[in-house]
Every structure is written in structure tokens, then in C-alpha cells.
């Protein structure tokens, strides 16, 4: 049969990461929003499998600030 695609992340883990990202953004007066976004994107990508291959996220907050 074909290769599988699925998402294996848990709801409570996602909620925890969202809370962490919001706290980081709020406590730094939104200066660290790129870092918060990287936390969320990394979690989503880390728990996604497409055609039997787990996705990989190699972005950094500094890349979102710009070079």
C-alpha cells in the first residue's frame, strides 16, 4: 500500500507551546515574536509525517529578523 501521511502531535502539548510562545512575545513586548513563531513552527513540523517521511524545520529566529 502507499506511504502514510499523518500528524502525531498532542493537543495538550500544542496548547503548552502556544502558551509559551505567547508568554515570550508578551514579556518581551513582541520583540521576540520571531522566536515564538519558530517555536510553534518547529513543533508543528516535528509532528508531521508526509509520505512516510518526517518533516524537518531548520529555521531560526535570526532568519526571520532578516540578515
N, C-alpha and C. Protein backbone atom coordinates (compact mmCIF):
# COMPACT_ATOMS: atom_id res chain seq x y z
N UNK A 1 0.84 -1.19 0.00
CA UNK A 1 0.00 0.00 0.00
C UNK A 1 0.88 1.25 0.00
N UNK A 2 0.29 2.40 -0.19
CA UNK A 2 1.03 3.66 -0.27
C UNK A 2 1.62 4.08 1.07
N UNK A 3 2.49 5.04 0.99
CA UNK A 3 3.12 5.56 2.20
C UNK A 3 2.11 6.41 2.96
N UNK A 4 2.29 6.46 4.26
CA UNK A 4 1.33 7.15 5.12
C UNK A 4 1.70 8.61 5.35
N UNK A 5 0.68 9.43 5.51
CA UNK A 5 0.84 10.81 5.93
C UNK A 5 -0.05 11.00 7.15
N UNK A 6 0.52 11.57 8.21
CA UNK A 6 -0.26 11.76 9.44
C UNK A 6 0.39 12.84 10.30
N UNK A 7 -0.35 13.25 11.31
CA UNK A 7 0.11 14.22 12.30
C UNK A 7 0.04 13.54 13.65
N UNK A 8 1.15 13.51 14.39
CA UNK A 8 1.16 12.78 15.66
C UNK A 8 1.34 13.67 16.89
N UNK A 9 1.04 14.95 16.76
CA UNK A 9 1.15 15.86 17.89
C UNK A 9 -0.08 15.79 18.78
N UNK A 10 0.11 16.06 20.06
CA UNK A 10 -0.99 16.03 21.01
C UNK A 10 -1.55 17.42 21.27
N UNK A 11 -2.81 17.47 21.64
CA UNK A 11 -3.48 18.74 21.88
C UNK A 11 -2.86 19.49 23.06
N UNK A 12 -2.62 18.80 24.17
CA UNK A 12 -2.09 19.46 25.36
C UNK A 12 -0.67 19.97 25.12
N UNK A 13 0.10 19.23 24.37
CA UNK A 13 1.45 19.66 24.02
C UNK A 13 1.39 20.93 23.17
N UNK A 14 0.47 20.97 22.22
CA UNK A 14 0.31 22.16 21.37
C UNK A 14 -0.13 23.36 22.20
N UNK A 15 -1.08 23.16 23.09
CA UNK A 15 -1.55 24.25 23.94
C UNK A 15 -0.41 24.79 24.79
N UNK A 16 0.42 23.89 25.32
CA UNK A 16 1.57 24.32 26.11
C UNK A 16 2.55 25.15 25.30
N UNK A 17 2.80 24.75 24.07
CA UNK A 17 3.70 25.50 23.21
C UNK A 17 3.11 26.86 22.84
N UNK A 18 1.80 26.92 22.61
CA UNK A 18 1.16 28.21 22.30
C UNK A 18 1.26 29.15 23.50
N UNK A 19 1.01 28.63 24.69
CA UNK A 19 1.11 29.46 25.90
C UNK A 19 2.54 29.97 26.07
N UNK A 20 3.52 29.10 25.87
CA UNK A 20 4.92 29.51 25.96
C UNK A 20 5.25 30.60 24.95
N UNK A 21 4.80 30.43 23.71
CA UNK A 21 5.07 31.42 22.67
C UNK A 21 4.42 32.76 22.98
N UNK A 22 3.20 32.73 23.47
CA UNK A 22 2.50 33.97 23.82
C UNK A 22 3.20 34.66 24.98
N UNK A 23 3.62 33.90 25.98
CA UNK A 23 4.33 34.49 27.12
C UNK A 23 5.65 35.13 26.68
N UNK A 24 6.38 34.45 25.83
CA UNK A 24 7.64 35.01 25.34
C UNK A 24 7.38 36.32 24.60
N UNK A 25 6.38 36.34 23.75
CA UNK A 25 6.06 37.56 22.99
C UNK A 25 5.59 38.68 23.93
N UNK A 26 4.75 38.34 24.88
CA UNK A 26 4.20 39.36 25.78
C UNK A 26 5.26 39.92 26.72
N UNK A 27 6.10 39.06 27.27
CA UNK A 27 7.10 39.51 28.24
C UNK A 27 8.22 40.32 27.60
N UNK A 28 8.42 40.15 26.31
CA UNK A 28 9.47 40.91 25.62
C UNK A 28 8.88 42.05 24.79
N UNK A 29 7.64 42.37 25.03
CA UNK A 29 6.95 43.44 24.30
C UNK A 29 7.03 43.22 22.79
N UNK A 30 6.76 42.02 22.36
CA UNK A 30 6.71 41.50 20.99
C UNK A 30 8.03 41.61 20.22
N UNK A 31 9.12 41.89 20.91
CA UNK A 31 10.42 41.92 20.23
C UNK A 31 10.82 40.51 19.79
N UNK A 32 10.47 39.52 20.58
CA UNK A 32 10.87 38.13 20.29
C UNK A 32 9.77 37.32 19.60
N UNK A 33 8.90 37.98 18.87
CA UNK A 33 7.87 37.26 18.12
C UNK A 33 8.48 36.27 17.13
N UNK A 34 9.56 36.61 16.43
CA UNK A 34 10.15 35.60 15.53
C UNK A 34 10.57 34.32 16.26
N UNK A 35 11.09 34.46 17.46
CA UNK A 35 11.47 33.29 18.24
C UNK A 35 10.22 32.48 18.61
N UNK A 36 9.15 33.17 18.99
CA UNK A 36 7.89 32.50 19.31
C UNK A 36 7.34 31.74 18.11
N UNK A 37 7.42 32.36 16.94
CA UNK A 37 6.95 31.70 15.72
C UNK A 37 7.79 30.46 15.41
N UNK A 38 9.09 30.55 15.62
CA UNK A 38 9.96 29.39 15.39
C UNK A 38 9.60 28.24 16.31
N UNK A 39 9.26 28.55 17.56
CA UNK A 39 8.85 27.50 18.50
C UNK A 39 7.61 26.79 17.97
N UNK A 40 6.63 27.56 17.53
CA UNK A 40 5.38 26.97 17.05
C UNK A 40 5.57 26.21 15.74
N UNK A 41 6.28 26.80 14.78
CA UNK A 41 6.52 26.12 13.50
C UNK A 41 7.32 24.84 13.70
N UNK A 42 8.33 24.90 14.56
CA UNK A 42 9.15 23.72 14.81
C UNK A 42 8.30 22.59 15.39
N UNK A 43 7.41 22.91 16.33
CA UNK A 43 6.57 21.88 16.93
C UNK A 43 5.64 21.26 15.88
N UNK A 44 5.00 22.10 15.07
CA UNK A 44 4.09 21.58 14.05
C UNK A 44 4.81 20.70 13.04
N UNK A 45 5.96 21.15 12.58
CA UNK A 45 6.70 20.40 11.57
C UNK A 45 7.25 19.11 12.15
N UNK A 46 7.72 19.15 13.39
CA UNK A 46 8.31 17.98 14.03
C UNK A 46 7.30 16.84 14.18
N UNK A 47 6.03 17.17 14.25
CA UNK A 47 4.99 16.16 14.44
C UNK A 47 4.23 15.82 13.16
N UNK A 48 4.76 16.19 12.01
CA UNK A 48 4.10 15.93 10.74
C UNK A 48 4.90 14.93 9.91
N UNK A 49 4.21 13.91 9.39
CA UNK A 49 4.82 12.91 8.52
C UNK A 49 4.05 12.93 7.20
N UNK A 50 4.77 13.08 6.08
CA UNK A 50 4.15 13.08 4.76
C UNK A 50 4.83 12.02 3.91
N UNK A 51 4.04 11.14 3.35
CA UNK A 51 4.54 10.02 2.53
C UNK A 51 5.61 9.21 3.26
N UNK A 52 5.42 9.02 4.56
CA UNK A 52 6.34 8.21 5.34
C UNK A 52 7.60 8.92 5.78
N UNK A 53 7.74 10.21 5.45
CA UNK A 53 8.94 10.97 5.82
C UNK A 53 8.56 12.07 6.79
N UNK A 54 9.25 12.11 7.93
CA UNK A 54 9.01 13.17 8.90
C UNK A 54 9.61 14.47 8.38
N UNK A 55 8.85 15.55 8.49
CA UNK A 55 9.33 16.85 8.03
C UNK A 55 10.41 17.37 8.96
N UNK A 56 11.21 18.30 8.45
CA UNK A 56 12.32 18.86 9.22
C UNK A 56 12.30 20.38 9.08
N UNK A 57 12.39 21.08 10.20
CA UNK A 57 12.40 22.54 10.21
C UNK A 57 13.76 23.01 10.68
N UNK A 58 14.45 23.79 9.88
CA UNK A 58 15.77 24.27 10.28
C UNK A 58 15.84 25.80 10.37
N UNK A 59 14.71 26.44 10.49
CA UNK A 59 14.68 27.90 10.58
C UNK A 59 15.10 28.39 11.96
N UNK A 60 15.59 29.62 11.99
CA UNK A 60 15.97 30.25 13.25
C UNK A 60 15.29 31.61 13.35
N UNK A 61 15.22 32.12 14.56
CA UNK A 61 14.61 33.43 14.77
C UNK A 61 15.40 34.52 14.06
N UNK A 62 16.70 34.39 14.01
CA UNK A 62 17.53 35.40 13.34
C UNK A 62 17.22 35.46 11.84
N UNK A 63 16.87 34.33 11.25
CA UNK A 63 16.50 34.34 9.83
C UNK A 63 15.20 35.10 9.62
N UNK A 64 14.30 35.06 10.60
CA UNK A 64 13.04 35.80 10.48
C UNK A 64 13.25 37.29 10.70
N UNK A 65 14.24 37.67 11.51
CA UNK A 65 14.56 39.09 11.67
C UNK A 65 15.14 39.64 10.38
N UNK A 66 15.81 38.80 9.62
CA UNK A 66 16.45 39.22 8.38
C UNK A 66 17.96 39.25 8.55
N UNK A 67 18.65 39.06 7.46
CA UNK A 67 20.12 39.05 7.51
C UNK A 67 20.68 40.31 6.90
